[in-house]
Amino acid sequence: MPIAVDIDVMLARRKMSVGELAERVGITPANLAVLKNGRAKAVRFATLAALCEALECQPGDLLRWETEDPADG
């Protein structure tokens, strides 16, 4: 998928655990793991906003676009 998720990078920078972030955002650790590992098909803007608030960052710090390798196609 051409959208990469960098939640783990922000967690490390903030020295925060997945469990703590999930609690602050109000989602389950399992759902946060799905998002963090890039397996989510969508994310609600409300969830993205809560992540940004908890991590004190911008959406672009969490999500980035990567070109797809035609060989992966």
N, C-alpha and C. Protein backbone atom coordinates (compact mmCIF):
# COMPACT_ATOMS: atom_id res chain seq x y z
N MET A 1 0.84 -1.18 0.00
CA MET A 1 0.00 0.00 0.00
C MET A 1 0.89 1.24 0.00
N PRO A 2 0.56 2.23 -0.77
CA PRO A 2 1.43 3.40 -0.87
C PRO A 2 1.38 4.35 0.32
N ILE A 3 0.48 4.12 1.28
CA ILE A 3 0.45 4.95 2.48
C ILE A 3 1.18 4.22 3.60
N ALA A 4 2.22 4.84 4.11
CA ALA A 4 2.99 4.26 5.21
C ALA A 4 2.58 4.95 6.51
N VAL A 5 2.54 4.18 7.58
CA VAL A 5 2.13 4.68 8.89
C VAL A 5 3.35 4.70 9.80
N ASP A 6 3.61 5.86 10.39
CA ASP A 6 4.80 6.04 11.24
C ASP A 6 4.44 6.27 12.70
N ILE A 7 3.38 5.62 13.17
CA ILE A 7 3.00 5.79 14.58
C ILE A 7 4.11 5.29 15.50
N ASP A 8 4.76 4.19 15.13
CA ASP A 8 5.83 3.65 15.96
C ASP A 8 6.98 4.64 16.14
N VAL A 9 7.25 5.43 15.11
CA VAL A 9 8.31 6.45 15.20
C VAL A 9 7.93 7.50 16.24
N MET A 10 6.67 7.97 16.18
CA MET A 10 6.22 8.99 17.13
C MET A 10 6.13 8.42 18.54
N LEU A 11 5.73 7.15 18.67
CA LEU A 11 5.71 6.52 20.00
C LEU A 11 7.11 6.51 20.60
N ALA A 12 8.10 6.17 19.81
CA ALA A 12 9.48 6.14 20.31
C ALA A 12 9.95 7.54 20.69
N ARG A 13 9.63 8.52 19.85
CA ARG A 13 10.04 9.90 20.15
C ARG A 13 9.41 10.41 21.44
N ARG A 14 8.18 9.99 21.71
CA ARG A 14 7.44 10.45 22.90
C ARG A 14 7.64 9.53 24.09
N LYS A 15 8.40 8.43 23.87
CA LYS A 15 8.64 7.44 24.92
C LYS A 15 7.31 6.98 25.53
N MET A 16 6.40 6.58 24.64
CA MET A 16 5.05 6.19 25.03
C MET A 16 4.80 4.76 24.54
N SER A 17 4.05 4.00 25.31
CA SER A 17 3.72 2.63 24.91
C SER A 17 2.45 2.61 24.07
N VAL A 18 2.26 1.52 23.35
CA VAL A 18 1.04 1.35 22.56
C VAL A 18 -0.18 1.38 23.47
N GLY A 19 -0.08 0.72 24.61
CA GLY A 19 -1.19 0.69 25.56
C GLY A 19 -1.56 2.07 26.07
N GLU A 20 -0.55 2.87 26.40
CA GLU A 20 -0.81 4.22 26.88
C GLU A 20 -1.46 5.08 25.80
N LEU A 21 -0.95 4.97 24.57
CA LEU A 21 -1.53 5.75 23.47
C LEU A 21 -2.97 5.31 23.21
N ALA A 22 -3.21 4.02 23.20
CA ALA A 22 -4.57 3.51 22.96
C ALA A 22 -5.53 4.05 24.01
N GLU A 23 -5.10 4.07 25.26
CA GLU A 23 -5.94 4.58 26.34
C GLU A 23 -6.22 6.07 26.15
N ARG A 24 -5.20 6.84 25.81
CA ARG A 24 -5.38 8.29 25.61
C ARG A 24 -6.30 8.59 24.42
N VAL A 25 -6.22 7.76 23.38
CA VAL A 25 -7.01 7.99 22.17
C VAL A 25 -8.42 7.42 22.31
N GLY A 26 -8.57 6.39 23.13
CA GLY A 26 -9.88 5.79 23.32
C GLY A 26 -10.18 4.67 22.34
N ILE A 27 -9.13 3.95 21.92
CA ILE A 27 -9.32 2.78 21.06
C ILE A 27 -8.61 1.60 21.71
N THR A 28 -8.92 0.41 21.26
CA THR A 28 -8.28 -0.77 21.85
C THR A 28 -6.83 -0.87 21.37
N PRO A 29 -5.97 -1.47 22.19
CA PRO A 29 -4.59 -1.70 21.73
C PRO A 29 -4.54 -2.53 20.45
N ALA A 30 -5.47 -3.46 20.29
CA ALA A 30 -5.50 -4.29 19.08
C ALA A 30 -5.80 -3.44 17.85
N ASN A 31 -6.77 -2.53 17.95
CA ASN A 31 -7.09 -1.66 16.82
C ASN A 31 -5.94 -0.70 16.53
N LEU A 32 -5.28 -0.23 17.57
CA LEU A 32 -4.12 0.65 17.35
C LEU A 32 -3.00 -0.13 16.66
N ALA A 33 -2.82 -1.39 17.03
CA ALA A 33 -1.78 -2.22 16.39
C ALA A 33 -2.08 -2.42 14.91
N VAL A 34 -3.36 -2.62 14.57
CA VAL A 34 -3.74 -2.77 13.16
C VAL A 34 -3.36 -1.51 12.38
N LEU A 35 -3.66 -0.36 12.95
CA LEU A 35 -3.32 0.90 12.30
C LEU A 35 -1.80 1.09 12.25
N LYS A 36 -1.13 0.84 13.36
CA LYS A 36 0.31 1.04 13.46
C LYS A 36 1.08 0.16 12.48
N ASN A 37 0.60 -1.04 12.26
CA ASN A 37 1.30 -1.99 11.39
C ASN A 37 0.90 -1.86 9.93
N GLY A 38 0.08 -0.86 9.60
CA GLY A 38 -0.27 -0.60 8.21
C GLY A 38 -1.29 -1.55 7.64
N ARG A 39 -2.03 -2.26 8.49
CA ARG A 39 -3.03 -3.21 8.00
C ARG A 39 -4.43 -2.61 7.93
N ALA A 40 -4.61 -1.38 8.40
CA ALA A 40 -5.93 -0.73 8.38
C ALA A 40 -6.26 -0.29 6.96
N LYS A 41 -7.52 -0.40 6.60
CA LYS A 41 -7.99 0.06 5.29
C LYS A 41 -8.41 1.52 5.33
N ALA A 42 -8.71 2.03 6.53
CA ALA A 42 -9.18 3.41 6.67
C ALA A 42 -8.91 3.87 8.10
N VAL A 43 -8.92 5.18 8.28
CA VAL A 43 -8.82 5.76 9.62
C VAL A 43 -9.78 6.95 9.66
N ARG A 44 -10.54 7.03 10.71
CA ARG A 44 -11.47 8.16 10.87
C ARG A 44 -10.68 9.41 11.23
N PHE A 45 -11.17 10.53 10.73
CA PHE A 45 -10.50 11.79 11.05
C PHE A 45 -10.51 12.05 12.55
N ALA A 46 -11.56 11.64 13.24
CA ALA A 46 -11.62 11.82 14.69
C ALA A 46 -10.51 11.03 15.38
N THR A 47 -10.24 9.82 14.90
CA THR A 47 -9.15 9.01 15.45
C THR A 47 -7.81 9.62 15.13
N LEU A 48 -7.64 10.09 13.89
CA LEU A 48 -6.40 10.74 13.50
C LEU A 48 -6.16 11.99 14.34
N ALA A 49 -7.20 12.77 14.56
CA ALA A 49 -7.08 13.98 15.39
C ALA A 49 -6.70 13.61 16.82
N ALA A 50 -7.30 12.56 17.37
CA ALA A 50 -6.98 12.14 18.73
C ALA A 50 -5.54 11.64 18.82
N LEU A 51 -5.08 10.92 17.80
CA LEU A 51 -3.68 10.49 17.77
C LEU A 51 -2.74 11.69 17.75
N CYS A 52 -3.06 12.66 16.91
CA CYS A 52 -2.21 13.86 16.82
C CYS A 52 -2.20 14.63 18.13
N GLU A 53 -3.34 14.70 18.79
CA GLU A 53 -3.40 15.41 20.07
C GLU A 53 -2.57 14.68 21.13
N ALA A 54 -2.73 13.37 21.20
CA ALA A 54 -2.01 12.59 22.21
C ALA A 54 -0.50 12.59 21.96
N LEU A 55 -0.10 12.58 20.68
CA LEU A 55 1.32 12.53 20.35
C LEU A 55 1.92 13.92 20.09
N GLU A 56 1.06 14.95 20.16
CA GLU A 56 1.49 16.33 19.92
C GLU A 56 2.24 16.43 18.59
N CYS A 57 1.53 16.03 17.52
CA CYS A 57 2.14 16.04 16.20
C CYS A 57 1.11 16.41 15.15
N GLN A 58 1.52 16.44 13.90
CA GLN A 58 0.66 16.71 12.76
C GLN A 58 0.34 15.40 12.05
N PRO A 59 -0.77 15.34 11.29
CA PRO A 59 -1.10 14.12 10.55
C PRO A 59 0.05 13.64 9.65
N GLY A 60 0.78 14.57 9.07
CA GLY A 60 1.90 14.21 8.21
C GLY A 60 3.05 13.55 8.95
N ASP A 61 3.08 13.69 10.28
CA ASP A 61 4.09 12.99 11.07
C ASP A 61 3.73 11.51 11.23
N LEU A 62 2.46 11.18 11.03
CA LEU A 62 1.97 9.82 11.22
C LEU A 62 1.76 9.06 9.91
N LEU A 63 1.43 9.79 8.85
CA LEU A 63 1.12 9.17 7.57
C LEU A 63 1.97 9.77 6.47
N ARG A 64 2.46 8.93 5.58
CA ARG A 64 3.21 9.45 4.42
C ARG A 64 2.92 8.57 3.22
N TRP A 65 3.04 9.16 2.05
CA TRP A 65 2.79 8.47 0.79
C TRP A 65 4.11 7.98 0.23
N GLU A 66 4.12 6.73 -0.23
CA GLU A 66 5.30 6.15 -0.88
C GLU A 66 4.87 5.65 -2.25
N THR A 67 5.76 5.77 -3.21
CA THR A 67 5.45 5.23 -4.53
C THR A 67 5.47 3.71 -4.45
N GLU A 68 4.63 3.09 -5.26
CA GLU A 68 4.59 1.64 -5.30
C GLU A 68 5.62 1.13 -6.29
N ASP A 69 6.27 0.05 -5.93
CA ASP A 69 7.24 -0.59 -6.81
C ASP A 69 6.47 -1.46 -7.80
N PRO A 70 6.60 -1.21 -9.13
CA PRO A 70 5.87 -2.01 -10.10
C PRO A 70 6.12 -3.51 -9.97
N ALA A 71 7.27 -3.89 -9.44
CA ALA A 71 7.58 -5.31 -9.25
C ALA A 71 6.70 -5.94 -8.18
N ASP A 72 6.18 -5.10 -7.24
CA ASP A 72 5.31 -5.59 -6.18
C ASP A 72 3.89 -5.82 -6.68
N GLY A 73 3.52 -5.17 -7.80
CA GLY A 73 2.19 -5.11 -8.35
C GLY A 73 1.48 -6.37 -8.49
